[in-house]
Structure formats: structure tokens, C-alpha cells
């Protein structure tokens, strides 16, 4: 398991935005894989476990400078959906 984050000192804001976007999409892909390989319920359990780990400090929250950044990260993860959920949402609209 990764224990720390190393961001190159010369990383531009645009590169950081791309990294954040790629990691967010990767988490969504993980959830979709879990939903297909196991079940949508297991995917939701993964997401809830991740949120709990963030809120309980099991994931190194010291990397966040302030509460607003922490809240932003938690909100982004809470908003993750699987491909299955997204397809259901599109079909409903």
C-alpha cells in the first residue's frame, strides 16, 4: 500500500489537474470493475469503506492543508458512481 504522496516540485497546475482527474477516473473504473466482477453492492461497500478510511484518518489526511480541501476530497469521492449507476441514470432521463 502506498504510504505517501510525492509530487514533483516543478509540477504545473495544469499537470496537477490532469493527475487529479486521472486518479478520480481511475477510482471510478475500480468501482465499475468491482460492480461487474462481484456486484454493485460490493462496489458500494468499497466506496463506503474508502470514505470511512478518509473520515477516520486511516488515509494520511496530513497532506491536506485545510478543512476545505479535506471536505472537497470527501465530497468528490462521495460523488463517484459506477458505469452501471451512470447508465441507469442516463436511461432514467
Protein backbone atom coordinates (compact mmCIF):
# COMPACT_ATOMS: atom_id res chain seq x y z
CA UNK A 1 0.00 0.00 0.00
CA UNK A 2 1.25 3.47 -0.81
CA UNK A 3 2.14 5.38 2.34
CA UNK A 4 2.97 8.83 0.99
CA UNK A 5 2.49 11.15 -1.93
CA UNK A 6 5.47 12.53 -3.82
CA UNK A 7 4.59 15.36 -6.17
CA UNK A 8 7.42 16.80 -8.27
CA UNK A 9 8.22 20.34 -7.16
CA UNK A 10 8.07 21.56 -10.76
CA UNK A 11 4.59 20.16 -11.48
CA UNK A 12 2.42 22.81 -13.10
CA UNK A 13 -1.19 23.48 -12.05
CA UNK A 14 -2.33 22.01 -15.39
CA UNK A 15 -0.38 18.81 -14.72
CA UNK A 16 -1.83 18.58 -11.22
CA UNK A 17 -5.35 18.96 -12.63
CA UNK A 18 -4.64 16.14 -15.09
CA UNK A 19 -3.29 13.93 -12.31
CA UNK A 20 -6.31 14.59 -10.10
CA UNK A 21 -8.68 13.90 -12.99
CA UNK A 22 -6.89 10.69 -13.93
CA UNK A 23 -6.92 9.44 -10.34
CA UNK A 24 -10.61 10.28 -9.96
CA UNK A 25 -11.48 8.46 -13.18
CA UNK A 26 -9.32 5.53 -12.04
CA UNK A 27 -11.29 5.27 -8.78
CA UNK A 28 -14.50 5.25 -10.80
CA UNK A 29 -13.08 2.50 -13.01
CA UNK A 30 -12.17 0.47 -9.91
CA UNK A 31 -15.74 0.80 -8.67
CA UNK A 32 -17.11 -0.27 -12.05
CA UNK A 33 -14.80 -3.27 -12.11
CA UNK A 34 -15.91 -4.32 -8.63
CA UNK A 35 -19.57 -3.90 -9.68
CA UNK A 36 -19.06 -6.12 -12.76
CA UNK A 37 -16.77 -8.71 -11.15
CA UNK A 38 -18.64 -9.03 -7.87
CA UNK A 39 -21.79 -6.92 -7.53
CA UNK A 40 -22.99 -3.32 -7.38
CA UNK A 41 -23.41 -3.81 -3.62
CA UNK A 42 -19.72 -4.74 -3.26
CA UNK A 43 -18.77 -1.66 -5.27
CA UNK A 44 -20.81 0.49 -2.89
CA UNK A 45 -19.16 -1.23 0.09
CA UNK A 46 -15.75 -0.36 -1.40
CA UNK A 47 -16.78 3.29 -1.75
CA UNK A 48 -18.20 3.45 1.78
CA UNK A 49 -15.04 1.83 3.13
CA UNK A 50 -12.90 4.39 1.31
CA UNK A 51 -14.98 7.27 2.68
CA UNK A 52 -14.79 5.82 6.20
CA UNK A 53 -11.00 5.46 5.89
CA UNK A 54 -10.74 9.12 4.87
CA UNK A 55 -13.01 10.32 7.67
CA UNK A 56 -11.33 8.14 10.32
CA UNK A 57 -7.81 9.22 9.39
CA UNK A 58 -6.75 5.80 8.11
CA UNK A 59 -5.63 7.55 4.93
CA UNK A 60 -2.95 10.17 5.63
CA UNK A 61 -5.02 13.33 5.79
CA UNK A 62 -1.96 15.38 6.76
CA UNK A 63 -1.44 16.02 3.04
CA UNK A 64 -4.42 18.39 3.10
CA UNK A 65 -3.63 21.96 4.10
CA UNK A 66 -7.05 22.84 5.43
CA UNK A 67 -10.54 21.59 6.20
CA UNK A 68 -11.94 22.94 2.93
CA UNK A 69 -9.55 20.74 0.91
CA UNK A 70 -10.45 17.72 3.04
CA UNK A 71 -14.18 18.40 2.56
CA UNK A 72 -13.62 18.77 -1.19
CA UNK A 73 -11.87 15.40 -1.44
CA UNK A 74 -14.54 13.60 0.61
CA UNK A 75 -17.32 15.21 -1.46
CA UNK A 76 -15.64 14.15 -4.71
CA UNK A 77 -15.36 10.54 -3.54
CA UNK A 78 -18.93 10.53 -2.27
CA UNK A 79 -20.00 11.59 -5.77
CA UNK A 80 -18.30 8.67 -7.50
CA UNK A 81 -20.62 6.36 -9.40
CA UNK A 82 -20.04 3.14 -11.27
CA UNK A 83 -20.63 2.79 -15.00
CA UNK A 84 -23.71 0.74 -14.09
CA UNK A 85 -25.14 3.57 -11.97
CA UNK A 86 -24.32 6.17 -14.62
CA UNK A 87 -26.02 4.11 -17.35
CA UNK A 88 -29.10 3.75 -15.14
CA UNK A 89 -29.14 7.50 -14.53
CA UNK A 90 -28.92 8.21 -18.28
CA UNK A 91 -31.72 5.73 -19.03
CA UNK A 92 -33.95 7.39 -16.44
CA UNK A 93 -33.52 10.85 -18.04
